[in-house]
Amino acid sequence: MKLVVAIVHNEDAGALVDALLESEHRATRLQSSGGFLKQSNATIIVGADDDGVDAVLEIVRANCTSRTQVVNPMPPIMEPGEFFMPYPLEVEVGGATVFVLPVERFERL
């Protein structure tokens, strides 16, 4: 038994959970945030048998694609009288960060 923890972009989370449930994988969605842009993410937790991990990873790959997005950076803390002109940055968002962890014991109560 393995625990698959996938941190995905918030926009991809709904489709990912739907696809996992459609494939009869139970999934739990947790709201999270962090990273460079401090944007909302979702952490998806899935319990899978050892032979089902590859199927879960394929579903994550199919539903969580990376893309570019233009963002305006936050201005730094500056001294009075200084001027900061923010330029939009193009950054890559989306995709998934996935951890596969061994599970020593599992109980459904």
PDB file of N, CA and C in Angstrom:
ATOM      1  N   MET A   1       0.858  -1.179   0.000  1.00  0.00           N
ATOM      2  CA  MET A   1       0.000   0.000   0.000  1.00  0.00           C
ATOM      3  C   MET A   1       0.895   1.229   0.000  1.00  0.00           C
ATOM      4  N   LYS A   2       0.511   2.233  -0.790  1.00  0.00           N
ATOM      5  CA  LYS A   2       1.254   3.486  -0.894  1.00  0.00           C
ATOM      6  C   LYS A   2       0.308   4.661  -0.654  1.00  0.00           C
ATOM      7  N   LEU A   3       0.870   5.764  -0.183  1.00  0.00           N
ATOM      8  CA  LEU A   3       0.155   7.020  -0.043  1.00  0.00           C
ATOM      9  C   LEU A   3       0.731   7.972  -1.082  1.00  0.00           C
ATOM     10  N   VAL A   4      -0.121   8.422  -2.008  1.00  0.00           N
ATOM     11  CA  VAL A   4       0.300   9.352  -3.044  1.00  0.00           C
ATOM     12  C   VAL A   4      -0.174  10.740  -2.633  1.00  0.00           C
ATOM     13  N   VAL A   5       0.764  11.669  -2.499  1.00  0.00           N
ATOM     14  CA  VAL A   5       0.466  13.055  -2.130  1.00  0.00           C
ATOM     15  C   VAL A   5       0.861  13.915  -3.322  1.00  0.00           C
ATOM     16  N   ALA A   6      -0.136  14.557  -3.940  1.00  0.00           N
ATOM     17  CA  ALA A   6       0.116  15.384  -5.119  1.00  0.00           C
ATOM     18  C   ALA A   6      -0.246  16.821  -4.806  1.00  0.00           C
ATOM     19  N   ILE A   7       0.699  17.736  -5.001  1.00  0.00           N
ATOM     20  CA  ILE A   7       0.456  19.165  -4.814  1.00  0.00           C
ATOM     21  C   ILE A   7       0.272  19.742  -6.206  1.00  0.00           C
ATOM     22  N   VAL A   8      -0.925  20.259  -6.462  1.00  0.00           N
ATOM     23  CA  VAL A   8      -1.290  20.685  -7.810  1.00  0.00           C
ATOM     24  C   VAL A   8      -1.832  22.104  -7.777  1.00  0.00           C
ATOM     25  N   HIS A   9      -1.882  22.740  -8.942  1.00  0.00           N
ATOM     26  CA  HIS A   9      -2.445  24.072  -9.082  1.00  0.00           C
ATOM     27  C   HIS A   9      -3.939  23.991  -8.793  1.00  0.00           C
ATOM     28  N   ASN A  10      -4.470  24.998  -8.142  1.00  0.00           N
ATOM     29  CA  ASN A  10      -5.873  24.994  -7.740  1.00  0.00           C
ATOM     30  C   ASN A  10      -6.816  24.811  -8.934  1.00  0.00           C
ATOM     31  N   GLU A  11      -6.448  25.360 -10.090  1.00  0.00           N
ATOM     32  CA  GLU A  11      -7.296  25.235 -11.279  1.00  0.00           C
ATOM     33  C   GLU A  11      -7.386  23.795 -11.782  1.00  0.00           C
ATOM     34  N   ASP A  12      -6.387  22.983 -11.496  1.00  0.00           N
ATOM     35  CA  ASP A  12      -6.364  21.592 -11.969  1.00  0.00           C
ATOM     36  C   ASP A  12      -6.986  20.620 -10.973  1.00  0.00           C
ATOM     37  N   ALA A  13      -7.171  21.039  -9.741  1.00  0.00           N
ATOM     38  CA  ALA A  13      -7.561  20.116  -8.676  1.00  0.00           C
ATOM     39  C   ALA A  13      -8.934  19.486  -8.895  1.00  0.00           C
ATOM     40  N   GLY A  14      -9.918  20.271  -9.324  1.00  0.00           N
ATOM     41  CA  GLY A  14     -11.264  19.730  -9.497  1.00  0.00           C
ATOM     42  C   GLY A  14     -11.310  18.624 -10.535  1.00  0.00           C
ATOM     43  N   ALA A  15     -10.687  18.866 -11.690  1.00  0.00           N
ATOM     44  CA  ALA A  15     -10.665  17.852 -12.749  1.00  0.00           C
ATOM     45  C   ALA A  15      -9.884  16.624 -12.312  1.00  0.00           C
ATOM     46  N   LEU A  16      -8.812  16.820 -11.554  1.00  0.00           N
ATOM     47  CA  LEU A  16      -8.011  15.692 -11.081  1.00  0.00           C
ATOM     48  C   LEU A  16      -8.823  14.823 -10.133  1.00  0.00           C
ATOM     49  N   VAL A  17      -9.482  15.431  -9.154  1.00  0.00           N
ATOM     50  CA  VAL A  17     -10.281  14.653  -8.203  1.00  0.00           C
ATOM     51  C   VAL A  17     -11.404  13.918  -8.932  1.00  0.00           C
ATOM     52  N   ASP A  18     -12.059  14.595  -9.875  1.00  0.00           N
ATOM     53  CA  ASP A  18     -13.122  13.943 -10.652  1.00  0.00           C
ATOM     54  C   ASP A  18     -12.585  12.728 -11.413  1.00  0.00           C
ATOM     55  N   ALA A  19     -11.421  12.876 -12.044  1.00  0.00           N
ATOM     56  CA  ALA A  19     -10.829  11.770 -12.801  1.00  0.00           C
ATOM     57  C   ALA A  19     -10.428  10.616 -11.881  1.00  0.00           C
ATOM     58  N   LEU A  20      -9.905  10.945 -10.695  1.00  0.00           N
ATOM     59  CA  LEU A  20      -9.532   9.887  -9.745  1.00  0.00           C
ATOM     60  C   LEU A  20     -10.766   9.135  -9.267  1.00  0.00           C
ATOM     61  N   LEU A  21     -11.834   9.852  -8.939  1.00  0.00           N
ATOM     62  CA  LEU A  21     -13.058   9.206  -8.476  1.00  0.00           C
ATOM     63  C   LEU A  21     -13.700   8.377  -9.581  1.00  0.00           C
ATOM     64  N   GLU A  22     -13.627   8.873 -10.813  1.00  0.00           N
ATOM     65  CA  GLU A  22     -14.163   8.138 -11.957  1.00  0.00           C
ATOM     66  C   GLU A  22     -13.436   6.813 -12.144  1.00  0.00           C
ATOM     67  N   SER A  23     -12.150   6.781 -11.810  1.00  0.00           N
ATOM     68  CA  SER A  23     -11.345   5.560 -11.907  1.00  0.00           C
ATOM     69  C   SER A  23     -11.386   4.741 -10.629  1.00  0.00           C
ATOM     70  N   GLU A  24     -12.301   5.085  -9.748  1.00  0.00           N
ATOM     71  CA  GLU A  24     -12.530   4.378  -8.477  1.00  0.00           C
ATOM     72  C   GLU A  24     -11.343   4.444  -7.520  1.00  0.00           C
ATOM     73  N   HIS A  25     -10.628   5.574  -7.535  1.00  0.00           N
ATOM     74  CA  HIS A  25      -9.592   5.844  -6.538  1.00  0.00           C
ATOM     75  C   HIS A  25     -10.167   6.871  -5.572  1.00  0.00           C
ATOM     76  N   ARG A  26     -10.135   6.563  -4.294  1.00  0.00           N
ATOM     77  CA  ARG A  26     -10.608   7.529  -3.304  1.00  0.00           C
ATOM     78  C   ARG A  26      -9.563   8.618  -3.142  1.00  0.00           C
ATOM     79  N   ALA A  27     -10.024   9.863  -3.070  1.00  0.00           N
ATOM     80  CA  ALA A  27      -9.095  10.990  -2.985  1.00  0.00           C
ATOM     81  C   ALA A  27      -9.612  12.007  -1.978  1.00  0.00           C
ATOM     82  N   THR A  28      -8.695  12.647  -1.290  1.00  0.00           N
ATOM     83  CA  THR A  28      -9.016  13.730  -0.369  1.00  0.00           C
ATOM     84  C   THR A  28      -8.311  14.979  -0.863  1.00  0.00           C
ATOM     85  N   ARG A  29      -9.050  16.088  -0.919  1.00  0.00           N
ATOM     86  CA  ARG A  29      -8.500  17.361  -1.388  1.00  0.00           C
ATOM     87  C   ARG A  29      -8.360  18.307  -0.205  1.00  0.00           C
ATOM     88  N   LEU A  30      -7.164  18.857  -0.043  1.00  0.00           N
ATOM     89  CA  LEU A  30      -6.881  19.838   1.002  1.00  0.00           C
ATOM     90  C   LEU A  30      -6.418  21.131   0.344  1.00  0.00           C
ATOM     91  N   GLN A  31      -6.947  22.256   0.785  1.00  0.00           N
ATOM     92  CA  GLN A  31      -6.477  23.547   0.288  1.00  0.00           C
ATOM     93  C   GLN A  31      -5.110  23.837   0.898  1.00  0.00           C
ATOM     94  N   SER A  32      -4.205  24.348   0.097  1.00  0.00           N
ATOM     95  CA  SER A  32      -2.871  24.697   0.578  1.00  0.00           C
ATOM     96  C   SER A  32      -2.377  25.902  -0.216  1.00  0.00           C
ATOM     97  N   SER A  33      -1.292  26.484   0.228  1.00  0.00           N
ATOM     98  CA  SER A  33      -0.700  27.598  -0.502  1.00  0.00           C
ATOM     99  C   SER A  33       0.794  27.591  -0.259  1.00  0.00           C
ATOM    100  N   GLY A  34       1.477  28.340  -1.081  1.00  0.00           N
ATOM    101  CA  GLY A  34       2.918  28.415  -0.895  1.00  0.00           C
ATOM    102  C   GLY A  34       3.610  28.563  -2.223  1.00  0.00           C
ATOM    103  N   GLY A  35       4.898  28.408  -2.190  1.00  0.00           N
ATOM    104  CA  GLY A  35       5.677  28.528  -3.405  1.00  0.00           C
ATOM    105  C   GLY A  35       6.034  29.963  -3.707  1.00  0.00           C
ATOM    106  N   PHE A  36       6.619  30.139  -4.855  1.00  0.00           N
ATOM    107  CA  PHE A  36       7.152  31.430  -5.275  1.00  0.00           C
ATOM    108  C   PHE A  36       6.066  32.495  -5.376  1.00  0.00           C
ATOM    109  N   LEU A  37       4.899  32.139  -5.909  1.00  0.00           N
ATOM    110  CA  LEU A  37       3.857  33.133  -6.157  1.00  0.00           C
ATOM    111  C   LEU A  37       2.851  33.249  -5.020  1.00  0.00           C
ATOM    112  N   LYS A  38       2.959  32.428  -3.997  1.00  0.00           N
ATOM    113  CA  LYS A  38       2.036  32.425  -2.859  1.00  0.00           C
ATOM    114  C   LYS A  38       0.586  32.241  -3.313  1.00  0.00           C
ATOM    115  N   GLN A  39       0.383  31.460  -4.363  1.00  0.00           N
ATOM    116  CA  GLN A  39      -0.951  31.212  -4.875  1.00  0.00           C
ATOM    117  C   GLN A  39      -1.552  29.986  -4.210  1.00  0.00           C
ATOM    118  N   SER A  40      -2.867  29.862  -4.328  1.00  0.00           N
ATOM    119  CA  SER A  40      -3.556  28.712  -3.773  1.00  0.00           C
ATOM    120  C   SER A  40      -3.213  27.458  -4.562  1.00  0.00           C
ATOM    121  N   ASN A  41      -2.953  26.408  -3.840  1.00  0.00           N
ATOM    122  CA  ASN A  41      -2.720  25.083  -4.398  1.00  0.00           C
ATOM    123  C   ASN A  41      -3.734  24.139  -3.787  1.00  0.00           C
ATOM    124  N   ALA A  42      -3.718  22.943  -4.234  1.00  0.00           N
ATOM    125  CA  ALA A  42      -4.496  21.886  -3.603  1.00  0.00           C
ATOM    126  C   ALA A  42      -3.567  20.705  -3.397  1.00  0.00           C
ATOM    127  N   THR A  43      -3.692  20.084  -2.251  1.00  0.00           N
ATOM    128  CA  THR A  43      -2.948  18.870  -1.963  1.00  0.00           C
ATOM    129  C   THR A  43      -3.937  17.722  -2.047  1.00  0.00           C
ATOM    130  N   ILE A  44      -3.697  16.792  -2.947  1.00  0.00           N
ATOM    131  CA  ILE A  44      -4.572  15.655  -3.168  1.00  0.00           C
ATOM    132  C   ILE A  44      -3.894  14.428  -2.560  1.00  0.00           C
ATOM    133  N   ILE A  45      -4.616  13.726  -1.687  1.00  0.00           N
ATOM    134  CA  ILE A  45      -4.084  12.542  -1.013  1.00  0.00           C
ATOM    135  C   ILE A  45      -4.859  11.325  -1.510  1.00  0.00           C
ATOM    136  N   VAL A  46      -4.129  10.314  -1.967  1.00  0.00           N
ATOM    137  CA  VAL A  46      -4.742   9.104  -2.502  1.00  0.00           C
ATOM    138  C   VAL A  46      -4.035   7.894  -1.915  1.00  0.00           C
ATOM    139  N   GLY A  47      -4.793   6.955  -1.404  1.00  0.00           N
ATOM    140  CA  GLY A  47      -4.249   5.662  -0.992  1.00  0.00           C
ATOM    141  C   GLY A  47      -4.376   4.705  -2.157  1.00  0.00           C
ATOM    142  N   ALA A  48      -3.303   3.993  -2.502  1.00  0.00           N
ATOM    143  CA  ALA A  48      -3.342   3.081  -3.641  1.00  0.00           C
ATOM    144  C   ALA A  48      -2.549   1.822  -3.332  1.00  0.00           C
ATOM    145  N   ASP A  49      -3.025   0.716  -3.884  1.00  0.00           N
ATOM    146  CA  ASP A  49      -2.247  -0.517  -3.801  1.00  0.00           C
ATOM    147  C   ASP A  49      -0.958  -0.326  -4.586  1.00  0.00           C
ATOM    148  N   ASP A  50       0.047  -1.127  -4.280  1.00  0.00           N
ATOM    149  CA  ASP A  50       1.337  -0.989  -4.952  1.00  0.00           C
ATOM    150  C   ASP A  50       1.207  -1.043  -6.469  1.00  0.00           C
ATOM    151  N   ASP A  51       0.340  -1.921  -6.976  1.00  0.00           N
ATOM    152  CA  ASP A  51       0.194  -2.039  -8.427  1.00  0.00           C
ATOM    153  C   ASP A  51      -0.715  -0.956  -9.019  1.00  0.00           C
ATOM    154  N   GLY A  52      -1.355  -0.130  -8.183  1.00  0.00           N
ATOM    155  CA  GLY A  52      -2.219   0.936  -8.669  1.00  0.00           C
ATOM    156  C   GLY A  52      -1.566   2.308  -8.697  1.00  0.00           C
ATOM    157  N   VAL A  53      -0.341   2.414  -8.211  1.00  0.00           N
ATOM    158  CA  VAL A  53       0.338   3.713  -8.137  1.00  0.00           C
ATOM    159  C   VAL A  53       0.577   4.290  -9.532  1.00  0.00           C
ATOM    160  N   ASP A  54       0.991   3.437 -10.465  1.00  0.00           N
ATOM    161  CA  ASP A  54       1.246   3.935 -11.822  1.00  0.00           C
ATOM    162  C   ASP A  54      -0.024   4.496 -12.459  1.00  0.00           C
ATOM    163  N   ALA A  55      -1.161   3.880 -12.206  1.00  0.00           N
ATOM    164  CA  ALA A  55      -2.427   4.377 -12.749  1.00  0.00           C
ATOM    165  C   ALA A  55      -2.768   5.739 -12.157  1.00  0.00           C
ATOM    166  N   VAL A  56      -2.524   5.914 -10.857  1.00  0.00           N
ATOM    167  CA  VAL A  56      -2.783   7.201 -10.212  1.00  0.00           C
ATOM    168  C   VAL A  56      -1.863   8.274 -10.798  1.00  0.00           C
ATOM    169  N   LEU A  57      -0.601   7.944 -10.983  1.00  0.00           N
ATOM    170  CA  LEU A  57       0.352   8.905 -11.548  1.00  0.00           C
ATOM    171  C   LEU A  57      -0.021   9.281 -12.980  1.00  0.00           C
ATOM    172  N   GLU A  58      -0.534   8.334 -13.747  1.00  0.00           N
ATOM    173  CA  GLU A  58      -0.972   8.641 -15.118  1.00  0.00           C
ATOM    174  C   GLU A  58      -2.139   9.615 -15.106  1.00  0.00           C
ATOM    175  N   ILE A  59      -3.063   9.449 -14.164  1.00  0.00           N
ATOM    176  CA  ILE A  59      -4.205  10.358 -14.053  1.00  0.00           C
ATOM    177  C   ILE A  59      -3.724  11.750 -13.669  1.00  0.00           C
ATOM    178  N   VAL A  60      -2.755  11.831 -12.775  1.00  0.00           N
ATOM    179  CA  VAL A  60      -2.197  13.133 -12.385  1.00  0.00           C
ATOM    180  C   VAL A  60      -1.534  13.787 -13.596  1.00  0.00           C
ATOM    181  N   ARG A  61      -0.744  13.030 -14.347  1.00  0.00           N
ATOM    182  CA  ARG A  61      -0.081  13.570 -15.544  1.00  0.00           C
ATOM    183  C   ARG A  61      -1.093  14.105 -16.560  1.00  0.00           C
ATOM    184  N   ALA A  62      -2.176  13.381 -16.735  1.00  0.00           N
ATOM    185  CA  ALA A  62      -3.169  13.756 -17.746  1.00  0.00           C
ATOM    186  C   ALA A  62      -3.956  15.004 -17.359  1.00  0.00           C
ATOM    187  N   ASN A  63      -4.088  15.274 -16.059  1.00  0.00           N
ATOM    188  CA  ASN A  63      -4.956  16.364 -15.614  1.00  0.00           C
ATOM    189  C   ASN A  63      -4.220  17.579 -15.072  1.00  0.00           C
ATOM    190  N   CYS A  64      -2.929  17.500 -14.884  1.00  0.00           N
ATOM    191  CA  CYS A  64      -2.174  18.603 -14.285  1.00  0.00           C
ATOM    192  C   CYS A  64      -1.037  19.002 -15.219  1.00  0.00           C
ATOM    193  N   THR A  65      -1.339  19.893 -16.145  1.00  0.00           N
ATOM    194  CA  THR A  65      -0.335  20.314 -17.110  1.00  0.00           C
ATOM    195  C   THR A  65       0.250  21.664 -16.707  1.00  0.00           C
ATOM    196  N   SER A  66       1.494  21.871 -17.027  1.00  0.00           N
ATOM    197  CA  SER A  66       2.115  23.159 -16.738  1.00  0.00           C
ATOM    198  C   SER A  66       1.821  24.126 -17.873  1.00  0.00           C
ATOM    199  N   ARG A  67       1.771  25.406 -17.541  1.00  0.00           N
ATOM    200  CA  ARG A  67       1.490  26.463 -18.510  1.00  0.00           C
ATOM    201  C   ARG A  67       2.162  27.742 -18.034  1.00  0.00           C
ATOM    202  N   THR A  68       2.246  28.729 -18.901  1.00  0.00           N
ATOM    203  CA  THR A  68       2.850  29.997 -18.504  1.00  0.00           C
ATOM    204  C   THR A  68       1.750  30.994 -18.140  1.00  0.00           C
ATOM    205  N   GLN A  69       2.092  31.890 -17.224  1.00  0.00           N
ATOM    206  CA  GLN A  69       1.159  32.903 -16.753  1.00  0.00           C
ATOM    207  C   GLN A  69       1.949  34.186 -16.525  1.00  0.00           C
ATOM    208  N   VAL A  70       1.351  35.308 -16.844  1.00  0.00           N
ATOM    209  CA  VAL A  70       1.996  36.598 -16.634  1.00  0.00           C
ATOM    210  C   VAL A  70       1.538  37.139 -15.291  1.00  0.00           C
ATOM    211  N   VAL A  71       2.497  37.493 -14.424  1.00  0.00           N
ATOM    212  CA  VAL A  71       2.188  38.023 -13.093  1.00  0.00           C
ATOM    213  C   VAL A  71       2.935  39.326 -12.876  1.00  0.00           C
ATOM    214  N   ASN A  72       2.375  40.151 -12.005  1.00  0.00           N
ATOM    215  CA  ASN A  72       3.057  41.372 -11.586  1.00  0.00           C
ATOM    216  C   ASN A  72       3.703  41.108 -10.237  1.00  0.00           C
ATOM    217  N   PRO A  73       5.004  41.272 -10.124  1.00  0.00           N
ATOM    218  CA  PRO A  73       5.678  41.002  -8.848  1.00  0.00           C
ATOM    219  C   PRO A  73       5.285  42.036  -7.795  1.00  0.00           C
ATOM    220  N   MET A  74       5.339  41.604  -6.541  1.00  0.00           N
ATOM    221  CA  MET A  74       5.075  42.510  -5.423  1.00  0.00           C
ATOM    222  C   MET A  74       6.263  43.459  -5.278  1.00  0.00           C
ATOM    223  N   PRO A  75       5.999  44.756  -5.053  1.00  0.00           N
ATOM    224  CA  PRO A  75       7.122  45.685  -4.892  1.00  0.00           C
ATOM    225  C   PRO A  75       7.860  45.417  -3.573  1.00  0.00           C
ATOM    226  N   PRO A  76       9.166  45.583  -3.582  1.00  0.00           N
ATOM    227  CA  PRO A  76       9.926  45.390  -2.350  1.00  0.00           C
ATOM    228  C   PRO A  76       9.664  46.540  -1.375  1.00  0.00           C
ATOM    229  N   ILE A  77      10.004  46.324  -0.127  1.00  0.00           N
ATOM    230  CA  ILE A  77       9.909  47.392   0.866  1.00  0.00           C
ATOM    231  C   ILE A  77      10.996  48.410   0.544  1.00  0.00           C
ATOM    232  N   MET A  78      10.574  49.656   0.394  1.00  0.00           N
ATOM    233  CA  MET A  78      11.517  50.678  -0.068  1.00  0.00           C
ATOM    234  C   MET A  78      11.520  51.863   0.895  1.00  0.00           C
ATOM    235  N   GLU A  79      12.563  52.642   0.781  1.00  0.00           N
ATOM    236  CA  GLU A  79      12.691  53.867   1.568  1.00  0.00           C
ATOM    237  C   GLU A  79      11.786  54.941   0.959  1.00  0.00           C
ATOM    238  N   PRO A  80      11.319  55.890   1.768  1.00  0.00           N
ATOM    239  CA  PRO A  80      10.504  56.970   1.221  1.00  0.00           C
ATOM    240  C   PRO A  80      11.266  57.713   0.120  1.00  0.00           C
ATOM    241  N   GLY A  81      10.568  58.007  -0.968  1.00  0.00           N
ATOM    242  CA  GLY A  81      11.179  58.723  -2.075  1.00  0.00           C
ATOM    243  C   GLY A  81      11.719  57.824  -3.167  1.00  0.00           C
ATOM    244  N   GLU A  82      11.909  56.529  -2.877  1.00  0.00           N
ATOM    245  CA  GLU A  82      12.384  55.616  -3.909  1.00  0.00           C
ATOM    246  C   GLU A  82      11.196  55.194  -4.779  1.00  0.00           C
ATOM    247  N   PHE A  83      11.511  54.825  -6.003  1.00  0.00           N
ATOM    248  CA  PHE A  83      10.457  54.466  -6.949  1.00  0.00           C
ATOM    249  C   PHE A  83      10.746  53.085  -7.524  1.00  0.00           C
ATOM    250  N   PHE A  84       9.731  52.233  -7.548  1.00  0.00           N
ATOM    251  CA  PHE A  84       9.871  50.882  -8.093  1.00  0.00           C
ATOM    252  C   PHE A  84       8.837  50.698  -9.196  1.00  0.00           C
ATOM    253  N   MET A  85       9.294  50.361 -10.383  1.00  0.00           N
ATOM    254  CA  MET A  85       8.390  50.124 -11.494  1.00  0.00           C
ATOM    255  C   MET A  85       8.340  48.622 -11.761  1.00  0.00           C
ATOM    256  N   PRO A  86       7.252  47.966 -11.359  1.00  0.00           N
ATOM    257  CA  PRO A  86       7.186  46.511 -11.574  1.00  0.00           C
ATOM    258  C   PRO A  86       6.930  46.188 -13.046  1.00  0.00           C
ATOM    259  N   TYR A  87       7.653  45.224 -13.556  1.00  0.00           N
ATOM    260  CA  TYR A  87       7.441  44.738 -14.908  1.00  0.00           C
ATOM    261  C   TYR A  87       6.799  43.360 -14.811  1.00  0.00           C
ATOM    262  N   PRO A  88       5.800  43.103 -15.629  1.00  0.00           N
ATOM    263  CA  PRO A  88       5.182  41.769 -15.596  1.00  0.00           C
ATOM    264  C   PRO A  88       6.215  40.695 -15.922  1.00  0.00           C
ATOM    265  N   LEU A  89       6.089  39.567 -15.225  1.00  0.00           N
ATOM    266  CA  LEU A  89       6.972  38.428 -15.444  1.00  0.00           C
ATOM    267  C   LEU A  89       6.162  37.266 -15.984  1.00  0.00           C
ATOM    268  N   GLU A  90       6.736  36.522 -16.885  1.00  0.00           N
ATOM    269  CA  GLU A  90       6.099  35.307 -17.370  1.00  0.00           C
ATOM    270  C   GLU A  90       6.697  34.139 -16.593  1.00  0.00           C
ATOM    271  N   VAL A  91       5.848  33.405 -15.872  1.00  0.00           N
ATOM    272  CA  VAL A  91       6.314  32.289 -15.053  1.00  0.00           C
ATOM    273  C   VAL A  91       5.533  31.034 -15.423  1.00  0.00           C
ATOM    274  N   GLU A  92       6.114  29.896 -15.122  1.00  0.00           N
ATOM    275  CA  GLU A  92       5.450  28.619 -15.370  1.00  0.00           C
ATOM    276  C   GLU A  92       4.659  28.225 -14.130  1.00  0.00           C
ATOM    277  N   VAL A  93       3.381  27.910 -14.306  1.00  0.00           N
ATOM    278  CA  VAL A  93       2.521  27.457 -13.217  1.00  0.00           C
ATOM    279  C   VAL A  93       1.901  26.127 -13.622  1.00  0.00           C
ATOM    280  N   GLY A  94       1.311  25.473 -12.666  1.00  0.00           N
ATOM    281  CA  GLY A  94       0.637  24.208 -12.940  1.00  0.00           C
ATOM    282  C   GLY A  94       1.581  23.042 -12.793  1.00  0.00           C
ATOM    283  N   GLY A  95       1.193  21.944 -13.394  1.00  0.00           N
ATOM    284  CA  GLY A  95       1.956  20.723 -13.207  1.00  0.00           C
ATOM    285  C   GLY A  95       1.627  20.131 -11.844  1.00  0.00           C
ATOM    286  N   ALA A  96       2.483  19.297 -11.363  1.00  0.00           N
ATOM    287  CA  ALA A  96       2.248  18.660 -10.067  1.00  0.00           C
ATOM    288  C   ALA A  96       3.577  18.266  -9.442  1.00  0.00           C
ATOM    289  N   THR A  97       3.601  18.321  -8.129  1.00  0.00           N
ATOM    290  CA  THR A  97       4.698  17.749  -7.357  1.00  0.00           C
ATOM    291  C   THR A  97       4.104  16.568  -6.610  1.00  0.00           C
ATOM    292  N   VAL A  98       4.651  15.377  -6.843  1.00  0.00           N
ATOM    293  CA  VAL A  98       4.040  14.153  -6.317  1.00  0.00           C
ATOM    294  C   VAL A  98       5.040  13.413  -5.435  1.00  0.00           C
ATOM    295  N   PHE A  99       4.548  12.993  -4.275  1.00  0.00           N
ATOM    296  CA  PHE A  99       5.320  12.162  -3.358  1.00  0.00           C
ATOM    297  C   PHE A  99       4.601  10.823  -3.236  1.00  0.00           C
ATOM    298  N   VAL A 100       5.347   9.733  -3.317  1.00  0.00           N
ATOM    299  CA  VAL A 100       4.784   8.397  -3.116  1.00  0.00           C
ATOM    300  C   VAL A 100       5.460   7.833  -1.877  1.00  0.00           C
ATOM    301  N   LEU A 101       4.652   7.579  -0.847  1.00  0.00           N
ATOM    302  CA  LEU A 101       5.176   7.157   0.450  1.00  0.00           C
ATOM    303  C   LEU A 101       4.688   5.759   0.794  1.00  0.00           C
ATOM    304  N   PRO A 102       5.536   4.947   1.407  1.00  0.00           N
ATOM    305  CA  PRO A 102       5.069   3.623   1.835  1.00  0.00           C
ATOM    306  C   PRO A 102       4.127   3.757   3.032  1.00  0.00           C
ATOM    307  N   VAL A 103       3.137   2.894   3.079  1.00  0.00           N
ATOM    308  CA  VAL A 103       2.177   2.883   4.188  1.00  0.00           C
ATOM    309  C   VAL A 103       2.375   1.583   4.948  1.00  0.00           C
ATOM    310  N   GLU A 104       2.671   1.706   6.223  1.00  0.00           N
ATOM    311  CA  GLU A 104       2.899   0.526   7.043  1.00  0.00           C
ATOM    312  C   GLU A 104       1.584  -0.107   7.474  1.00  0.00           C
ATOM    313  N   ARG A 105       0.595   0.731   7.737  1.00  0.00           N
ATOM    314  CA  ARG A 105      -0.690   0.201   8.211  1.00  0.00           C
ATOM    315  C   ARG A 105      -1.810   1.084   7.688  1.00  0.00           C
ATOM    316  N   PHE A 106      -2.915   0.461   7.293  1.00  0.00           N
ATOM    317  CA  PHE A 106      -4.068   1.181   6.763  1.00  0.00           C
ATOM    318  C   PHE A 106      -5.333   0.576   7.362  1.00  0.00           C
ATOM    319  N   GLU A 107      -6.220   1.434   7.851  1.00  0.00           N
ATOM    320  CA  GLU A 107      -7.501   0.982   8.392  1.00  0.00           C
ATOM    321  C   GLU A 107      -8.581   1.930   7.910  1.00  0.00           C
ATOM    322  N   ARG A 108      -9.705   1.390   7.488  1.00  0.00           N
ATOM    323  CA  ARG A 108     -10.861   2.215   7.136  1.00  0.00           C
ATOM    324  C   ARG A 108     -11.878   2.017   8.244  1.00  0.00           C
ATOM    325  N   LEU A 109     -12.166   3.079   8.973  1.00  0.00           N
ATOM    326  CA  LEU A 109     -13.078   3.005  10.120  1.00  0.00           C
ATOM    327  C   LEU A 109     -14.415   3.647   9.813  1.00  0.00           C
TER     328      LEU A 109
END
